[in-house]
Amino acid sequence: MRKLQLVCLLWIAMLSLTMPAIAQEAAKGSRYDDQIQQDVEKLLRGRPQFNGLAANTEDQIVTVKGSVKLYIDRLNVERKIEKVKNVEGVRNHAQVMTSASDDDLRQILSDKLRYDRGGFGIAFNAIAPQVQNYSERRRCSVA
């Protein structure tokens, strides 16, 4: 019984000595946050297509909010930020802004999906795209 108490006491002493080291190791993940934030802000300021974006860094994960004009800009900002040193992840909450109405988008999609089979004048248009509430999402998603 005495031996068991001694082992338990040693175990508790060892845990109490390692706890500060574990807590310090957990805080290490955020030691790069300031440098990442500076690098990302420099990246966003350096490109005019990223003017409507803002970034926040927490635990080496960058969260991007705001709006861009083109979808390719939304993809590019994520790719560029992933290449910044010590970034472990990117949450891309950027929204693509457009002034097109739902009807305009539906018509554009229909025109792109319709095609003439072999020049015979037989248009294939069995696909009917639907666009709903696109303009409402656009208004609600401004960050």
C-alpha atoms as a PDB file:
ATOM      1  CA  MET A   1       0.000   0.000   0.000  1.00  0.00           C
ATOM      2  CA  ARG A   2       2.832   2.346   0.896  1.00  0.00           C
ATOM      3  CA  LYS A   3       4.481   1.626  -2.428  1.00  0.00           C
ATOM      4  CA  LEU A   4       1.291   2.544  -4.332  1.00  0.00           C
ATOM      5  CA  GLN A   5       1.035   5.864  -2.485  1.00  0.00           C
ATOM      6  CA  LEU A   6       4.635   6.652  -3.332  1.00  0.00           C
ATOM      7  CA  VAL A   7       4.072   5.882  -7.032  1.00  0.00           C
ATOM      8  CA  CYS A   8       0.932   8.065  -7.114  1.00  0.00           C
ATOM      9  CA  LEU A   9       2.768  10.901  -5.383  1.00  0.00           C
ATOM     10  CA  LEU A  10       5.627  10.708  -7.886  1.00  0.00           C
ATOM     11  CA  TRP A  11       3.166  10.646 -10.768  1.00  0.00           C
ATOM     12  CA  ILE A  12       1.384  13.769  -9.499  1.00  0.00           C
ATOM     13  CA  ALA A  13       4.708  15.559  -8.970  1.00  0.00           C
ATOM     14  CA  MET A  14       5.797  14.705 -12.497  1.00  0.00           C
ATOM     15  CA  LEU A  15       2.511  15.960 -13.972  1.00  0.00           C
ATOM     16  CA  SER A  16       2.698  19.216 -12.035  1.00  0.00           C
ATOM     17  CA  LEU A  17       6.201  19.837 -13.410  1.00  0.00           C
ATOM     18  CA  THR A  18       5.211  19.188 -17.033  1.00  0.00           C
ATOM     19  CA  MET A  19       1.960  21.228 -17.053  1.00  0.00           C
ATOM     20  CA  PRO A  20       3.655  24.632 -17.531  1.00  0.00           C
ATOM     21  CA  ALA A  21       5.646  23.202 -20.451  1.00  0.00           C
ATOM     22  CA  ILE A  22       2.456  21.877 -22.065  1.00  0.00           C
ATOM     23  CA  ALA A  23       0.697  25.242 -21.621  1.00  0.00           C
ATOM     24  CA  GLN A  24       3.688  27.055 -23.078  1.00  0.00           C
ATOM     25  CA  GLU A  25       3.747  24.698 -26.078  1.00  0.00           C
ATOM     26  CA  ALA A  26       0.045  25.386 -26.704  1.00  0.00           C
ATOM     27  CA  ALA A  27       0.710  29.139 -26.738  1.00  0.00           C
ATOM     28  CA  LYS A  28       3.534  28.664 -29.266  1.00  0.00           C
ATOM     29  CA  GLY A  29       1.041  28.143 -32.092  1.00  0.00           C
ATOM     30  CA  SER A  30       0.096  31.806 -31.939  1.00  0.00           C
ATOM     31  CA  ARG A  31       3.623  33.206 -31.783  1.00  0.00           C
ATOM     32  CA  TYR A  32       3.653  33.571 -35.563  1.00  0.00           C
ATOM     33  CA  ASP A  33       0.270  35.311 -35.735  1.00  0.00           C
ATOM     34  CA  ASP A  34       1.639  38.868 -35.718  1.00  0.00           C
ATOM     35  CA  GLN A  35       4.122  38.161 -38.494  1.00  0.00           C
ATOM     36  CA  ILE A  36       1.496  36.318 -40.559  1.00  0.00           C
ATOM     37  CA  GLN A  37      -0.946  39.216 -40.092  1.00  0.00           C
ATOM     38  CA  GLN A  38       1.646  41.737 -41.298  1.00  0.00           C
ATOM     39  CA  ASP A  39       2.560  39.619 -44.329  1.00  0.00           C
ATOM     40  CA  VAL A  40      -1.084  39.069 -45.299  1.00  0.00           C
ATOM     41  CA  GLU A  41      -1.950  42.759 -44.916  1.00  0.00           C
ATOM     42  CA  LYS A  42       1.036  43.643 -47.101  1.00  0.00           C
ATOM     43  CA  LEU A  43      -0.178  41.130 -49.692  1.00  0.00           C
ATOM     44  CA  LEU A  44      -3.722  42.526 -49.662  1.00  0.00           C
ATOM     45  CA  ARG A  45      -2.529  46.150 -49.920  1.00  0.00           C
ATOM     46  CA  GLY A  46      -0.197  45.308 -52.786  1.00  0.00           C
ATOM     47  CA  ARG A  47      -2.904  44.128 -55.160  1.00  0.00           C
ATOM     48  CA  PRO A  48      -5.784  46.362 -56.314  1.00  0.00           C
ATOM     49  CA  GLN A  49      -8.151  43.408 -56.852  1.00  0.00           C
ATOM     50  CA  PHE A  50      -7.927  42.630 -53.106  1.00  0.00           C
ATOM     51  CA  ASN A  51      -8.852  46.163 -51.924  1.00  0.00           C
ATOM     52  CA  GLY A  52     -12.226  45.098 -50.518  1.00  0.00           C
ATOM     53  CA  LEU A  53     -10.754  42.360 -48.327  1.00  0.00           C
ATOM     54  CA  ALA A  54      -9.674  42.245 -44.700  1.00  0.00           C
ATOM     55  CA  ALA A  55      -7.870  39.423 -42.912  1.00  0.00           C
ATOM     56  CA  ASN A  56      -7.645  38.224 -39.330  1.00  0.00           C
ATOM     57  CA  THR A  57      -5.119  35.694 -38.016  1.00  0.00           C
ATOM     58  CA  GLU A  58      -5.653  33.344 -35.088  1.00  0.00           C
ATOM     59  CA  ASP A  59      -3.549  30.268 -34.312  1.00  0.00           C
ATOM     60  CA  GLN A  60      -1.844  30.482 -37.704  1.00  0.00           C
ATOM     61  CA  ILE A  61      -5.189  30.318 -39.524  1.00  0.00           C
ATOM     62  CA  VAL A  62      -6.101  33.338 -41.655  1.00  0.00           C
ATOM     63  CA  THR A  63      -9.745  34.339 -42.051  1.00  0.00           C
ATOM     64  CA  VAL A  64     -10.495  36.499 -45.099  1.00  0.00           C
ATOM     65  CA  LYS A  65     -13.675  38.608 -45.221  1.00  0.00           C
ATOM     66  CA  GLY A  66     -14.940  41.204 -47.634  1.00  0.00           C
ATOM     67  CA  SER A  67     -15.769  41.308 -51.312  1.00  0.00           C
ATOM     68  CA  VAL A  68     -14.038  40.955 -54.665  1.00  0.00           C
ATOM     69  CA  LYS A  69     -15.259  41.668 -58.193  1.00  0.00           C
ATOM     70  CA  LEU A  70     -14.335  38.343 -59.813  1.00  0.00           C
ATOM     71  CA  TYR A  71     -14.509  34.737 -58.683  1.00  0.00           C
ATOM     72  CA  ILE A  72     -10.918  34.156 -59.823  1.00  0.00           C
ATOM     73  CA  ASP A  73      -9.809  36.886 -57.385  1.00  0.00           C
ATOM     74  CA  ARG A  74     -11.511  34.987 -54.574  1.00  0.00           C
ATOM     75  CA  LEU A  75      -9.566  31.856 -55.503  1.00  0.00           C
ATOM     76  CA  ASN A  76      -6.301  33.752 -55.993  1.00  0.00           C
ATOM     77  CA  VAL A  77      -6.379  35.417 -52.595  1.00  0.00           C
ATOM     78  CA  GLU A  78      -6.674  32.019 -50.931  1.00  0.00           C
ATOM     79  CA  ARG A  79      -3.786  30.599 -52.971  1.00  0.00           C
ATOM     80  CA  LYS A  80      -1.562  33.598 -52.229  1.00  0.00           C
ATOM     81  CA  ILE A  81      -2.257  33.507 -48.487  1.00  0.00           C
ATOM     82  CA  GLU A  82      -1.578  29.758 -48.305  1.00  0.00           C
ATOM     83  CA  LYS A  83       1.946  30.504 -49.558  1.00  0.00           C
ATOM     84  CA  VAL A  84       2.698  32.960 -46.725  1.00  0.00           C
ATOM     85  CA  LYS A  85       5.266  31.544 -44.299  1.00  0.00           C
ATOM     86  CA  ASN A  86       3.846  29.696 -41.241  1.00  0.00           C
ATOM     87  CA  VAL A  87       0.206  29.819 -42.436  1.00  0.00           C
ATOM     88  CA  GLU A  88      -1.510  26.556 -41.595  1.00  0.00           C
ATOM     89  CA  GLY A  89      -4.910  27.285 -43.109  1.00  0.00           C
ATOM     90  CA  VAL A  90      -7.176  29.826 -44.784  1.00  0.00           C
ATOM     91  CA  ARG A  91     -10.866  30.423 -44.172  1.00  0.00           C
ATOM     92  CA  ASN A  92     -12.055  32.227 -47.273  1.00  0.00           C
ATOM     93  CA  HIS A  93     -15.284  34.108 -46.514  1.00  0.00           C
ATOM     94  CA  ALA A  94     -14.814  36.557 -49.401  1.00  0.00           C
ATOM     95  CA  GLN A  95     -17.926  37.235 -51.454  1.00  0.00           C
ATOM     96  CA  VAL A  96     -18.073  37.875 -55.198  1.00  0.00           C
ATOM     97  CA  MET A  97     -20.042  41.016 -56.000  1.00  0.00           C
ATOM     98  CA  THR A  98     -22.138  41.399 -59.139  1.00  0.00           C
ATOM     99  CA  SER A  99     -24.705  43.842 -60.399  1.00  0.00           C
ATOM    100  CA  ALA A 100     -26.465  41.274 -62.593  1.00  0.00           C
ATOM    101  CA  SER A 101     -30.030  40.358 -61.748  1.00  0.00           C
ATOM    102  CA  ASP A 102     -31.281  36.799 -61.358  1.00  0.00           C
ATOM    103  CA  ASP A 103     -32.997  36.949 -64.773  1.00  0.00           C
ATOM    104  CA  ASP A 104     -29.808  38.166 -66.465  1.00  0.00           C
ATOM    105  CA  LEU A 105     -27.778  35.360 -64.897  1.00  0.00           C
ATOM    106  CA  ARG A 106     -30.403  32.771 -65.895  1.00  0.00           C
ATOM    107  CA  GLN A 107     -30.335  34.013 -69.509  1.00  0.00           C
ATOM    108  CA  ILE A 108     -26.520  33.999 -69.665  1.00  0.00           C
ATOM    109  CA  LEU A 109     -26.399  30.452 -68.302  1.00  0.00           C
ATOM    110  CA  SER A 110     -29.063  29.285 -70.755  1.00  0.00           C
ATOM    111  CA  ASP A 111     -27.147  30.783 -73.676  1.00  0.00           C
ATOM    112  CA  LYS A 112     -23.904  29.122 -72.582  1.00  0.00           C
ATOM    113  CA  LEU A 113     -25.531  25.702 -72.117  1.00  0.00           C
ATOM    114  CA  ARG A 114     -27.457  25.737 -75.388  1.00  0.00           C
ATOM    115  CA  TYR A 115     -25.577  24.525 -78.437  1.00  0.00           C
ATOM    116  CA  ASP A 116     -26.245  23.668 -82.062  1.00  0.00           C
ATOM    117  CA  ARG A 117     -25.560  19.998 -82.769  1.00  0.00           C
ATOM    118  CA  GLY A 118     -23.273  19.749 -85.757  1.00  0.00           C
ATOM    119  CA  GLY A 119     -24.610  22.818 -87.548  1.00  0.00           C
ATOM    120  CA  PHE A 120     -27.939  21.148 -88.348  1.00  0.00           C
ATOM    121  CA  GLY A 121     -29.972  23.839 -86.612  1.00  0.00           C
ATOM    122  CA  ILE A 122     -31.127  21.454 -83.892  1.00  0.00           C
ATOM    123  CA  ALA A 123     -30.485  23.284 -80.645  1.00  0.00           C
ATOM    124  CA  PHE A 124     -30.023  21.182 -77.567  1.00  0.00           C
ATOM    125  CA  ASN A 125     -31.727  23.024 -74.746  1.00  0.00           C
ATOM    126  CA  ALA A 126     -33.055  20.366 -72.412  1.00  0.00           C
ATOM    127  CA  ILE A 127     -31.296  22.025 -69.461  1.00  0.00           C
ATOM    128  CA  ALA A 128     -33.201  24.813 -67.737  1.00  0.00           C
ATOM    129  CA  PRO A 129     -30.999  26.622 -65.192  1.00  0.00           C
ATOM    130  CA  GLN A 130     -32.596  28.379 -62.248  1.00  0.00           C
ATOM    131  CA  VAL A 131     -31.115  31.269 -60.300  1.00  0.00           C
ATOM    132  CA  GLN A 132     -32.946  32.188 -57.123  1.00  0.00           C
ATOM    133  CA  ASN A 133     -32.285  34.914 -54.589  1.00  0.00           C
ATOM    134  CA  TYR A 134     -28.804  35.665 -55.867  1.00  0.00           C
ATOM    135  CA  SER A 135     -29.290  39.398 -55.363  1.00  0.00           C
ATOM    136  CA  GLU A 136     -30.563  38.858 -51.783  1.00  0.00           C
ATOM    137  CA  ARG A 137     -27.458  36.830 -50.871  1.00  0.00           C
ATOM    138  CA  ARG A 138     -25.294  39.538 -52.367  1.00  0.00           C
ATOM    139  CA  ARG A 139     -26.902  42.220 -50.224  1.00  0.00           C
ATOM    140  CA  CYS A 140     -26.727  40.136 -47.041  1.00  0.00           C
ATOM    141  CA  SER A 141     -23.159  38.969 -47.470  1.00  0.00           C
ATOM    142  CA  VAL A 142     -21.334  42.310 -47.382  1.00  0.00           C
ATOM    143  CA  ALA A 143     -18.832  42.070 -44.533  1.00  0.00           C
END
